[in-house]
Amino acid sequence: MKYEPRFDVVYNKDVYAFLESLPQKTQDKIASNIDKSRYVIDSELFKKLKGEIWEFRTIHNNTCIRLLAFWDKERGKVVVVTHGFIKKSEKTPQQEIRKAESLRLEYYKSKK
């Protein structure tokens, strides 16, 4: 029995630079978590933050890595990752959420 993914993932160009700055094992863990979240509903891996912004969550070697994203409603089952950061506090910083929202608006403007 083959399972279909719930969504596809597209990365903003800036995400690649962030990921490449991380150790290879951390990159592998992030990729594994994102892939798993495509098939399994698990709020420890992928959850809604605020408004249209969602986050992919990874903890590796006591480091919390977050990739913020949004659903591209025009393309259906596509999640666009805007950027990533290492989380240093309990809550996701508002400036990161604002950045993701700004990148979301930019994304839709560029599509017109």
PDB file of N, CA and C in Angstrom:
ATOM      1  N   MET A   1       0.845  -1.186   0.000  1.00  0.00           N
ATOM      2  CA  MET A   1       0.000   0.000   0.000  1.00  0.00           C
ATOM      3  C   MET A   1       0.887   1.246   0.000  1.00  0.00           C
ATOM      4  N   LYS A   2       0.678   2.120  -0.965  1.00  0.00           N
ATOM      5  CA  LYS A   2       1.490   3.327  -1.079  1.00  0.00           C
ATOM      6  C   LYS A   2       0.687   4.525  -0.581  1.00  0.00           C
ATOM      7  N   TYR A   3       1.307   5.319   0.278  1.00  0.00           N
ATOM      8  CA  TYR A   3       0.647   6.499   0.808  1.00  0.00           C
ATOM      9  C   TYR A   3       0.993   7.704  -0.035  1.00  0.00           C
ATOM     10  N   GLU A   4       0.023   8.574  -0.225  1.00  0.00           N
ATOM     11  CA  GLU A   4       0.231   9.816  -0.963  1.00  0.00           C
ATOM     12  C   GLU A   4       0.599  10.923   0.031  1.00  0.00           C
ATOM     13  N   PRO A   5       1.535  11.792  -0.342  1.00  0.00           N
ATOM     14  CA  PRO A   5       1.862  12.913   0.556  1.00  0.00           C
ATOM     15  C   PRO A   5       0.680  13.880   0.650  1.00  0.00           C
ATOM     16  N   ARG A   6       0.547  14.507   1.801  1.00  0.00           N
ATOM     17  CA  ARG A   6      -0.531  15.475   2.014  1.00  0.00           C
ATOM     18  C   ARG A   6      -0.249  16.789   1.302  1.00  0.00           C
ATOM     19  N   PHE A   7       1.059  17.072   1.078  1.00  0.00           N
ATOM     20  CA  PHE A   7       1.439  18.311   0.401  1.00  0.00           C
ATOM     21  C   PHE A   7       2.859  18.186  -0.137  1.00  0.00           C
ATOM     22  N   ASP A   8       3.199  19.093  -1.053  1.00  0.00           N
ATOM     23  CA  ASP A   8       4.560  19.219  -1.559  1.00  0.00           C
ATOM     24  C   ASP A   8       5.192  20.427  -0.885  1.00  0.00           C
ATOM     25  N   VAL A   9       6.513  20.481  -0.876  1.00  0.00           N
ATOM     26  CA  VAL A   9       7.236  21.576  -0.226  1.00  0.00           C
ATOM     27  C   VAL A   9       8.100  22.288  -1.260  1.00  0.00           C
ATOM     28  N   VAL A  10       8.023  23.627  -1.257  1.00  0.00           N
ATOM     29  CA  VAL A  10       8.834  24.481  -2.118  1.00  0.00           C
ATOM     30  C   VAL A  10       9.622  25.404  -1.193  1.00  0.00           C
ATOM     31  N   TYR A  11      10.908  25.605  -1.501  1.00  0.00           N
ATOM     32  CA  TYR A  11      11.767  26.422  -0.654  1.00  0.00           C
ATOM     33  C   TYR A  11      12.071  27.763  -1.306  1.00  0.00           C
ATOM     34  N   ASN A  12      11.938  28.838  -0.537  1.00  0.00           N
ATOM     35  CA  ASN A  12      12.391  30.163  -0.945  1.00  0.00           C
ATOM     36  C   ASN A  12      13.912  30.070  -1.095  1.00  0.00           C
ATOM     37  N   LYS A  13      14.493  30.856  -1.969  1.00  0.00           N
ATOM     38  CA  LYS A  13      15.943  30.771  -2.236  1.00  0.00           C
ATOM     39  C   LYS A  13      16.795  30.965  -0.985  1.00  0.00           C
ATOM     40  N   ASP A  14      16.359  31.794  -0.045  1.00  0.00           N
ATOM     41  CA  ASP A  14      17.137  32.063   1.167  1.00  0.00           C
ATOM     42  C   ASP A  14      17.221  30.852   2.106  1.00  0.00           C
ATOM     43  N   VAL A  15      16.290  29.944   1.990  1.00  0.00           N
ATOM     44  CA  VAL A  15      16.263  28.777   2.877  1.00  0.00           C
ATOM     45  C   VAL A  15      17.490  27.903   2.643  1.00  0.00           C
ATOM     46  N   TYR A  16      17.904  27.779   1.393  1.00  0.00           N
ATOM     47  CA  TYR A  16      19.053  26.921   1.079  1.00  0.00           C
ATOM     48  C   TYR A  16      20.325  27.393   1.786  1.00  0.00           C
ATOM     49  N   ALA A  17      20.554  28.698   1.794  1.00  0.00           N
ATOM     50  CA  ALA A  17      21.747  29.238   2.467  1.00  0.00           C
ATOM     51  C   ALA A  17      21.698  28.935   3.958  1.00  0.00           C
ATOM     52  N   PHE A  18      20.510  29.075   4.565  1.00  0.00           N
ATOM     53  CA  PHE A  18      20.371  28.774   5.992  1.00  0.00           C
ATOM     54  C   PHE A  18      20.673  27.301   6.247  1.00  0.00           C
ATOM     55  N   LEU A  19      20.069  26.427   5.462  1.00  0.00           N
ATOM     56  CA  LEU A  19      20.270  24.989   5.668  1.00  0.00           C
ATOM     57  C   LEU A  19      21.731  24.595   5.476  1.00  0.00           C
ATOM     58  N   GLU A  20      22.381  25.162   4.461  1.00  0.00           N
ATOM     59  CA  GLU A  20      23.782  24.827   4.204  1.00  0.00           C
ATOM     60  C   GLU A  20      24.710  25.311   5.313  1.00  0.00           C
ATOM     61  N   SER A  21      24.251  26.282   6.121  1.00  0.00           N
ATOM     62  CA  SER A  21      25.064  26.775   7.234  1.00  0.00           C
ATOM     63  C   SER A  21      25.043  25.822   8.428  1.00  0.00           C
ATOM     64  N   LEU A  22      24.168  24.834   8.396  1.00  0.00           N
ATOM     65  CA  LEU A  22      24.009  23.888   9.500  1.00  0.00           C
ATOM     66  C   LEU A  22      24.840  22.636   9.247  1.00  0.00           C
ATOM     67  N   PRO A  23      25.226  21.922  10.324  1.00  0.00           N
ATOM     68  CA  PRO A  23      25.946  20.648  10.147  1.00  0.00           C
ATOM     69  C   PRO A  23      25.114  19.658   9.327  1.00  0.00           C
ATOM     70  N   GLN A  24      25.788  18.779   8.611  1.00  0.00           N
ATOM     71  CA  GLN A  24      25.118  17.830   7.726  1.00  0.00           C
ATOM     72  C   GLN A  24      24.084  16.974   8.461  1.00  0.00           C
ATOM     73  N   LYS A  25      24.417  16.504   9.662  1.00  0.00           N
ATOM     74  CA  LYS A  25      23.466  15.659  10.403  1.00  0.00           C
ATOM     75  C   LYS A  25      22.203  16.437  10.774  1.00  0.00           C
ATOM     76  N   THR A  26      22.352  17.734  11.059  1.00  0.00           N
ATOM     77  CA  THR A  26      21.188  18.573  11.352  1.00  0.00           C
ATOM     78  C   THR A  26      20.355  18.756  10.092  1.00  0.00           C
ATOM     79  N   GLN A  27      21.018  18.975   8.968  1.00  0.00           N
ATOM     80  CA  GLN A  27      20.303  19.092   7.691  1.00  0.00           C
ATOM     81  C   GLN A  27      19.508  17.814   7.408  1.00  0.00           C
ATOM     82  N   ASP A  28      20.138  16.677   7.661  1.00  0.00           N
ATOM     83  CA  ASP A  28      19.476  15.393   7.420  1.00  0.00           C
ATOM     84  C   ASP A  28      18.249  15.229   8.318  1.00  0.00           C
ATOM     85  N   LYS A  29      18.363  15.634   9.569  1.00  0.00           N
ATOM     86  CA  LYS A  29      17.247  15.525  10.520  1.00  0.00           C
ATOM     87  C   LYS A  29      16.089  16.425  10.079  1.00  0.00           C
ATOM     88  N   ILE A  30      16.403  17.646   9.644  1.00  0.00           N
ATOM     89  CA  ILE A  30      15.367  18.568   9.159  1.00  0.00           C
ATOM     90  C   ILE A  30      14.662  17.962   7.953  1.00  0.00           C
ATOM     91  N   ALA A  31      15.441  17.459   6.991  1.00  0.00           N
ATOM     92  CA  ALA A  31      14.856  16.852   5.786  1.00  0.00           C
ATOM     93  C   ALA A  31      13.960  15.670   6.150  1.00  0.00           C
ATOM     94  N   SER A  32      14.402  14.864   7.091  1.00  0.00           N
ATOM     95  CA  SER A  32      13.621  13.710   7.531  1.00  0.00           C
ATOM     96  C   SER A  32      12.308  14.154   8.173  1.00  0.00           C
ATOM     97  N   ASN A  33      12.372  15.173   9.031  1.00  0.00           N
ATOM     98  CA  ASN A  33      11.162  15.663   9.695  1.00  0.00           C
ATOM     99  C   ASN A  33      10.173  16.268   8.697  1.00  0.00           C
ATOM    100  N   ILE A  34      10.694  17.029   7.734  1.00  0.00           N
ATOM    101  CA  ILE A  34       9.801  17.622   6.731  1.00  0.00           C
ATOM    102  C   ILE A  34       9.142  16.526   5.909  1.00  0.00           C
ATOM    103  N   ASP A  35       9.928  15.546   5.511  1.00  0.00           N
ATOM    104  CA  ASP A  35       9.365  14.445   4.732  1.00  0.00           C
ATOM    105  C   ASP A  35       8.298  13.702   5.536  1.00  0.00           C
ATOM    106  N   LYS A  36       8.583  13.432   6.796  1.00  0.00           N
ATOM    107  CA  LYS A  36       7.613  12.733   7.648  1.00  0.00           C
ATOM    108  C   LYS A  36       6.325  13.547   7.788  1.00  0.00           C
ATOM    109  N   SER A  37       6.461  14.876   7.953  1.00  0.00           N
ATOM    110  CA  SER A  37       5.278  15.722   8.138  1.00  0.00           C
ATOM    111  C   SER A  37       4.388  15.749   6.900  1.00  0.00           C
ATOM    112  N   ARG A  38       4.952  15.412   5.750  1.00  0.00           N
ATOM    113  CA  ARG A  38       4.162  15.355   4.520  1.00  0.00           C
ATOM    114  C   ARG A  38       3.175  14.185   4.536  1.00  0.00           C
ATOM    115  N   TYR A  39       3.453  13.184   5.356  1.00  0.00           N
ATOM    116  CA  TYR A  39       2.633  11.972   5.387  1.00  0.00           C
ATOM    117  C   TYR A  39       1.842  11.797   6.679  1.00  0.00           C
ATOM    118  N   VAL A  40       2.322  12.384   7.776  1.00  0.00           N
ATOM    119  CA  VAL A  40       1.727  12.159   9.096  1.00  0.00           C
ATOM    120  C   VAL A  40       1.358  13.497   9.732  1.00  0.00           C
ATOM    121  N   ILE A  41       0.174  13.583  10.292  1.00  0.00           N
ATOM    122  CA  ILE A  41      -0.216  14.800  11.009  1.00  0.00           C
ATOM    123  C   ILE A  41       0.392  14.729  12.405  1.00  0.00           C
ATOM    124  N   ASP A  42       1.340  15.621  12.667  1.00  0.00           N
ATOM    125  CA  ASP A  42       2.054  15.642  13.943  1.00  0.00           C
ATOM    126  C   ASP A  42       2.456  17.074  14.246  1.00  0.00           C
ATOM    127  N   SER A  43       1.819  17.697  15.245  1.00  0.00           N
ATOM    128  CA  SER A  43       2.094  19.101  15.557  1.00  0.00           C
ATOM    129  C   SER A  43       3.485  19.309  16.154  1.00  0.00           C
ATOM    130  N   GLU A  44       4.169  18.231  16.492  1.00  0.00           N
ATOM    131  CA  GLU A  44       5.560  18.374  16.931  1.00  0.00           C
ATOM    132  C   GLU A  44       6.478  18.631  15.728  1.00  0.00           C
ATOM    133  N   LEU A  45       5.998  18.313  14.536  1.00  0.00           N
ATOM    134  CA  LEU A  45       6.794  18.493  13.319  1.00  0.00           C
ATOM    135  C   LEU A  45       6.339  19.684  12.484  1.00  0.00           C
ATOM    136  N   PHE A  46       5.028  19.915  12.405  1.00  0.00           N
ATOM    137  CA  PHE A  46       4.473  20.955  11.537  1.00  0.00           C
ATOM    138  C   PHE A  46       3.199  21.477  12.169  1.00  0.00           C
ATOM    139  N   LYS A  47       3.191  22.781  12.485  1.00  0.00           N
ATOM    140  CA  LYS A  47       1.987  23.319  13.127  1.00  0.00           C
ATOM    141  C   LYS A  47       1.752  24.762  12.729  1.00  0.00           C
ATOM    142  N   LYS A  48       0.505  25.177  12.870  1.00  0.00           N
ATOM    143  CA  LYS A  48       0.115  26.550  12.551  1.00  0.00           C
ATOM    144  C   LYS A  48       0.564  27.463  13.687  1.00  0.00           C
ATOM    145  N   LEU A  49       1.153  28.615  13.298  1.00  0.00           N
ATOM    146  CA  LEU A  49       1.594  29.577  14.300  1.00  0.00           C
ATOM    147  C   LEU A  49       0.582  30.695  14.474  1.00  0.00           C
ATOM    148  N   LYS A  50       0.429  31.491  13.411  1.00  0.00           N
ATOM    149  CA  LYS A  50      -0.405  32.681  13.503  1.00  0.00           C
ATOM    150  C   LYS A  50      -0.838  33.095  12.107  1.00  0.00           C
ATOM    151  N   GLY A  51      -2.104  33.407  11.948  1.00  0.00           N
ATOM    152  CA  GLY A  51      -2.594  33.828  10.636  1.00  0.00           C
ATOM    153  C   GLY A  51      -2.350  32.755   9.599  1.00  0.00           C
ATOM    154  N   GLU A  52      -1.590  33.102   8.577  1.00  0.00           N
ATOM    155  CA  GLU A  52      -1.292  32.176   7.481  1.00  0.00           C
ATOM    156  C   GLU A  52       0.042  31.456   7.664  1.00  0.00           C
ATOM    157  N   ILE A  53       0.741  31.720   8.757  1.00  0.00           N
ATOM    158  CA  ILE A  53       2.103  31.211   8.938  1.00  0.00           C
ATOM    159  C   ILE A  53       2.116  29.910   9.744  1.00  0.00           C
ATOM    160  N   TRP A  54       2.878  28.959   9.228  1.00  0.00           N
ATOM    161  CA  TRP A  54       3.080  27.649   9.845  1.00  0.00           C
ATOM    162  C   TRP A  54       4.557  27.466  10.123  1.00  0.00           C
ATOM    163  N   GLU A  55       4.910  26.449  10.920  1.00  0.00           N
ATOM    164  CA  GLU A  55       6.328  26.183  11.150  1.00  0.00           C
ATOM    165  C   GLU A  55       6.623  24.695  11.116  1.00  0.00           C
ATOM    166  N   PHE A  56       7.765  24.374  10.476  1.00  0.00           N
ATOM    167  CA  PHE A  56       8.349  23.046  10.565  1.00  0.00           C
ATOM    168  C   PHE A  56       9.280  23.086  11.768  1.00  0.00           C
ATOM    169  N   ARG A  57       9.180  22.095  12.638  1.00  0.00           N
ATOM    170  CA  ARG A  57       9.944  22.084  13.883  1.00  0.00           C
ATOM    171  C   ARG A  57      10.916  20.913  13.905  1.00  0.00           C
ATOM    172  N   THR A  58      12.165  21.214  14.269  1.00  0.00           N
ATOM    173  CA  THR A  58      13.170  20.158  14.422  1.00  0.00           C
ATOM    174  C   THR A  58      14.002  20.466  15.657  1.00  0.00           C
ATOM    175  N   ILE A  59      14.238  19.449  16.459  1.00  0.00           N
ATOM    176  CA  ILE A  59      15.177  19.563  17.581  1.00  0.00           C
ATOM    177  C   ILE A  59      16.277  18.545  17.314  1.00  0.00           C
ATOM    178  N   HIS A  60      17.503  19.046  17.282  1.00  0.00           N
ATOM    179  CA  HIS A  60      18.645  18.162  17.034  1.00  0.00           C
ATOM    180  C   HIS A  60      19.816  18.638  17.895  1.00  0.00           C
ATOM    181  N   ASN A  61      20.383  17.745  18.675  1.00  0.00           N
ATOM    182  CA  ASN A  61      21.487  18.085  19.594  1.00  0.00           C
ATOM    183  C   ASN A  61      21.139  19.290  20.482  1.00  0.00           C
ATOM    184  N   ASN A  62      19.949  19.257  21.053  1.00  0.00           N
ATOM    185  CA  ASN A  62      19.458  20.324  21.945  1.00  0.00           C
ATOM    186  C   ASN A  62      19.340  21.680  21.270  1.00  0.00           C
ATOM    187  N   THR A  63      19.265  21.709  19.961  1.00  0.00           N
ATOM    188  CA  THR A  63      19.077  22.951  19.219  1.00  0.00           C
ATOM    189  C   THR A  63      17.715  22.897  18.540  1.00  0.00           C
ATOM    190  N   CYS A  64      16.933  23.965  18.713  1.00  0.00           N
ATOM    191  CA  CYS A  64      15.608  24.054  18.097  1.00  0.00           C
ATOM    192  C   CYS A  64      15.721  24.831  16.791  1.00  0.00           C
ATOM    193  N   ILE A  65      15.433  24.168  15.695  1.00  0.00           N
ATOM    194  CA  ILE A  65      15.484  24.804  14.389  1.00  0.00           C
ATOM    195  C   ILE A  65      14.060  24.931  13.884  1.00  0.00           C
ATOM    196  N   ARG A  66      13.758  26.112  13.361  1.00  0.00           N
ATOM    197  CA  ARG A  66      12.424  26.354  12.825  1.00  0.00           C
ATOM    198  C   ARG A  66      12.525  26.848  11.389  1.00  0.00           C
ATOM    199  N   LEU A  67      11.647  26.329  10.555  1.00  0.00           N
ATOM    200  CA  LEU A  67      11.482  26.818   9.188  1.00  0.00           C
ATOM    201  C   LEU A  67      10.042  27.303   9.096  1.00  0.00           C
ATOM    202  N   LEU A  68       9.856  28.582   8.788  1.00  0.00           N
ATOM    203  CA  LEU A  68       8.506  29.127   8.688  1.00  0.00           C
ATOM    204  C   LEU A  68       8.008  28.987   7.255  1.00  0.00           C
ATOM    205  N   ALA A  69       6.692  28.847   7.126  1.00  0.00           N
ATOM    206  CA  ALA A  69       6.114  28.523   5.822  1.00  0.00           C
ATOM    207  C   ALA A  69       4.661  28.988   5.746  1.00  0.00           C
ATOM    208  N   PHE A  70       4.103  28.871   4.544  1.00  0.00           N
ATOM    209  CA  PHE A  70       2.682  29.147   4.332  1.00  0.00           C
ATOM    210  C   PHE A  70       2.182  28.233   3.210  1.00  0.00           C
ATOM    211  N   TRP A  71       0.870  28.069   3.155  1.00  0.00           N
ATOM    212  CA  TRP A  71       0.255  27.264   2.098  1.00  0.00           C
ATOM    213  C   TRP A  71       0.019  28.155   0.880  1.00  0.00           C
ATOM    214  N   ASP A  72       0.427  27.685  -0.297  1.00  0.00           N
ATOM    215  CA  ASP A  72       0.125  28.387  -1.540  1.00  0.00           C
ATOM    216  C   ASP A  72      -1.253  27.903  -1.973  1.00  0.00           C
ATOM    217  N   LYS A  73      -2.265  28.667  -1.645  1.00  0.00           N
ATOM    218  CA  LYS A  73      -3.645  28.245  -1.891  1.00  0.00           C
ATOM    219  C   LYS A  73      -3.989  28.212  -3.373  1.00  0.00           C
ATOM    220  N   GLU A  74      -3.228  28.952  -4.187  1.00  0.00           N
ATOM    221  CA  GLU A  74      -3.480  28.941  -5.629  1.00  0.00           C
ATOM    222  C   GLU A  74      -2.986  27.645  -6.269  1.00  0.00           C
ATOM    223  N   ARG A  75      -1.996  27.007  -5.673  1.00  0.00           N
ATOM    224  CA  ARG A  75      -1.416  25.787  -6.248  1.00  0.00           C
ATOM    225  C   ARG A  75      -1.915  24.527  -5.556  1.00  0.00           C
ATOM    226  N   GLY A  76      -2.817  24.668  -4.614  1.00  0.00           N
ATOM    227  CA  GLY A  76      -3.360  23.479  -3.947  1.00  0.00           C
ATOM    228  C   GLY A  76      -2.518  23.013  -2.792  1.00  0.00           C
ATOM    229  N   LYS A  77      -2.039  21.804  -2.872  1.00  0.00           N
ATOM    230  CA  LYS A  77      -1.331  21.177  -1.756  1.00  0.00           C
ATOM    231  C   LYS A  77       0.166  21.488  -1.794  1.00  0.00           C
ATOM    232  N   VAL A  78       0.503  22.781  -1.705  1.00  0.00           N
ATOM    233  CA  VAL A  78       1.900  23.209  -1.743  1.00  0.00           C
ATOM    234  C   VAL A  78       2.172  24.099  -0.541  1.00  0.00           C
ATOM    235  N   VAL A  79       3.253  23.784   0.183  1.00  0.00           N
ATOM    236  CA  VAL A  79       3.704  24.594   1.307  1.00  0.00           C
ATOM    237  C   VAL A  79       5.010  25.257   0.880  1.00  0.00           C
ATOM    238  N   VAL A  80       5.073  26.589   1.023  1.00  0.00           N
ATOM    239  CA  VAL A  80       6.253  27.364   0.645  1.00  0.00           C
ATOM    240  C   VAL A  80       7.013  27.729   1.915  1.00  0.00           C
ATOM    241  N   VAL A  81       8.263  27.296   2.013  1.00  0.00           N
ATOM    242  CA  VAL A  81       9.100  27.616   3.173  1.00  0.00           C
ATOM    243  C   VAL A  81       9.765  28.962   2.910  1.00  0.00           C
ATOM    244  N   THR A  82       9.561  29.916   3.828  1.00  0.00           N
ATOM    245  CA  THR A  82      10.072  31.278   3.625  1.00  0.00           C
ATOM    246  C   THR A  82      11.501  31.452   4.105  1.00  0.00           C
ATOM    247  N   HIS A  83      11.791  30.963   5.307  1.00  0.00           N
ATOM    248  CA  HIS A  83      13.129  31.125   5.889  1.00  0.00           C
ATOM    249  C   HIS A  83      13.264  30.248   7.122  1.00  0.00           C
ATOM    250  N   GLY A  84      14.479  30.168   7.627  1.00  0.00           N
ATOM    251  CA  GLY A  84      14.730  29.366   8.816  1.00  0.00           C
ATOM    252  C   GLY A  84      15.535  30.141   9.834  1.00  0.00           C
ATOM    253  N   PHE A  85      15.491  29.660  11.075  1.00  0.00           N
ATOM    254  CA  PHE A  85      16.269  30.276  12.148  1.00  0.00           C
ATOM    255  C   PHE A  85      16.419  29.277  13.284  1.00  0.00           C
ATOM    256  N   ILE A  86      17.376  29.570  14.144  1.00  0.00           N
ATOM    257  CA  ILE A  86      17.566  28.762  15.350  1.00  0.00           C
ATOM    258  C   ILE A  86      16.819  29.462  16.470  1.00  0.00           C
ATOM    259  N   LYS A  87      15.911  28.737  17.063  1.00  0.00           N
ATOM    260  CA  LYS A  87      15.052  29.305  18.104  1.00  0.00           C
ATOM    261  C   LYS A  87      15.805  29.316  19.430  1.00  0.00           C
ATOM    262  N   LYS A  88      15.820  30.495  20.068  1.00  0.00           N
ATOM    263  CA  LYS A  88      16.577  30.644  21.307  1.00  0.00           C
ATOM    264  C   LYS A  88      15.700  30.919  22.521  1.00  0.00           C
ATOM    265  N   SER A  89      14.397  31.101  22.312  1.00  0.00           N
ATOM    266  CA  SER A  89      13.507  31.377  23.434  1.00  0.00           C
ATOM    267  C   SER A  89      12.291  30.452  23.358  1.00  0.00           C
ATOM    268  N   GLU A  90      11.481  30.507  24.378  1.00  0.00           N
ATOM    269  CA  GLU A  90      10.298  29.644  24.469  1.00  0.00           C
ATOM    270  C   GLU A  90       9.332  29.878  23.305  1.00  0.00           C
ATOM    271  N   LYS A  91       9.078  31.158  23.007  1.00  0.00           N
ATOM    272  CA  LYS A  91       8.130  31.510  21.956  1.00  0.00           C
ATOM    273  C   LYS A  91       8.857  31.849  20.662  1.00  0.00           C
ATOM    274  N   THR A  92       8.157  31.634  19.566  1.00  0.00           N
ATOM    275  CA  THR A  92       8.709  32.042  18.273  1.00  0.00           C
ATOM    276  C   THR A  92       8.707  33.571  18.227  1.00  0.00           C
ATOM    277  N   PRO A  93       9.861  34.177  17.952  1.00  0.00           N
ATOM    278  CA  PRO A  93       9.933  35.651  17.932  1.00  0.00           C
ATOM    279  C   PRO A  93       8.969  36.261  16.914  1.00  0.00           C
ATOM    280  N   GLN A  94       8.283  37.323  17.326  1.00  0.00           N
ATOM    281  CA  GLN A  94       7.325  38.007  16.449  1.00  0.00           C
ATOM    282  C   GLN A  94       7.997  38.526  15.178  1.00  0.00           C
ATOM    283  N   GLN A  95       9.264  38.948  15.284  1.00  0.00           N
ATOM    284  CA  GLN A  95       9.951  39.469  14.099  1.00  0.00           C
ATOM    285  C   GLN A  95      10.102  38.381  13.038  1.00  0.00           C
ATOM    286  N   GLU A  96      10.259  37.127  13.455  1.00  0.00           N
ATOM    287  CA  GLU A  96      10.370  36.021  12.495  1.00  0.00           C
ATOM    288  C   GLU A  96       9.021  35.768  11.815  1.00  0.00           C
ATOM    289  N   ILE A  97       7.950  35.871  12.591  1.00  0.00           N
ATOM    290  CA  ILE A  97       6.608  35.706  12.023  1.00  0.00           C
ATOM    291  C   ILE A  97       6.315  36.835  11.037  1.00  0.00           C
ATOM    292  N   ARG A  98       6.684  38.068  11.397  1.00  0.00           N
ATOM    293  CA  ARG A  98       6.491  39.204  10.495  1.00  0.00           C
ATOM    294  C   ARG A  98       7.300  39.031   9.210  1.00  0.00           C
ATOM    295  N   LYS A  99       8.520  38.528   9.342  1.00  0.00           N
ATOM    296  CA  LYS A  99       9.358  38.286   8.169  1.00  0.00           C
ATOM    297  C   LYS A  99       8.693  37.258   7.255  1.00  0.00           C
ATOM    298  N   ALA A 100       8.181  36.186   7.822  1.00  0.00           N
ATOM    299  CA  ALA A 100       7.511  35.153   7.029  1.00  0.00           C
ATOM    300  C   ALA A 100       6.286  35.729   6.331  1.00  0.00           C
ATOM    301  N   GLU A 101       5.534  36.555   7.032  1.00  0.00           N
ATOM    302  CA  GLU A 101       4.344  37.178   6.434  1.00  0.00           C
ATOM    303  C   GLU A 101       4.746  38.113   5.295  1.00  0.00           C
ATOM    304  N   SER A 102       5.790  38.872   5.489  1.00  0.00           N
ATOM    305  CA  SER A 102       6.295  39.768   4.448  1.00  0.00           C
ATOM    306  C   SER A 102       6.740  38.966   3.215  1.00  0.00           C
ATOM    307  N   LEU A 103       7.456  37.876   3.436  1.00  0.00           N
ATOM    308  CA  LEU A 103       7.899  37.030   2.330  1.00  0.00           C
ATOM    309  C   LEU A 103       6.710  36.365   1.632  1.00  0.00           C
ATOM    310  N   ARG A 104       5.669  36.060   2.386  1.00  0.00           N
ATOM    311  CA  ARG A 104       4.449  35.491   1.795  1.00  0.00           C
ATOM    312  C   ARG A 104       3.807  36.502   0.845  1.00  0.00           C
ATOM    313  N   LEU A 105       3.689  37.745   1.292  1.00  0.00           N
ATOM    314  CA  LEU A 105       3.085  38.783   0.454  1.00  0.00           C
ATOM    315  C   LEU A 105       3.933  39.035  -0.794  1.00  0.00           C
ATOM    316  N   GLU A 106       5.251  39.051  -0.619  1.00  0.00           N
ATOM    317  CA  GLU A 106       6.187  39.213  -1.736  1.00  0.00           C
ATOM    318  C   GLU A 106       6.006  38.092  -2.760  1.00  0.00           C
ATOM    319  N   TYR A 107       5.860  36.882  -2.259  1.00  0.00           N
ATOM    320  CA  TYR A 107       5.679  35.701  -3.104  1.00  0.00           C
ATOM    321  C   TYR A 107       4.450  35.876  -3.995  1.00  0.00           C
ATOM    322  N   TYR A 108       3.336  36.297  -3.407  1.00  0.00           N
ATOM    323  CA  TYR A 108       2.105  36.451  -4.204  1.00  0.00           C
ATOM    324  C   TYR A 108       2.221  37.617  -5.180  1.00  0.00           C
ATOM    325  N   LYS A 109       2.890  38.694  -4.786  1.00  0.00           N
ATOM    326  CA  LYS A 109       3.092  39.821  -5.719  1.00  0.00           C
ATOM    327  C   LYS A 109       3.896  39.387  -6.927  1.00  0.00           C
ATOM    328  N   SER A 110       4.942  38.573  -6.696  1.00  0.00           N
ATOM    329  CA  SER A 110       5.804  38.139  -7.794  1.00  0.00           C
ATOM    330  C   SER A 110       5.089  37.184  -8.750  1.00  0.00           C
ATOM    331  N   LYS A 111       4.008  36.581  -8.308  1.00  0.00           N
ATOM    332  CA  LYS A 111       3.263  35.633  -9.145  1.00  0.00           C
ATOM    333  C   LYS A 111       2.315  36.352 -10.110  1.00  0.00           C
ATOM    334  N   LYS A 112       2.048  37.631  -9.856  1.00  0.00           N
ATOM    335  CA  LYS A 112       1.083  38.371 -10.696  1.00  0.00           C
ATOM    336  C   LYS A 112       1.722  38.889 -11.963  1.00  0.00           C
TER     337      LYS A 112
END
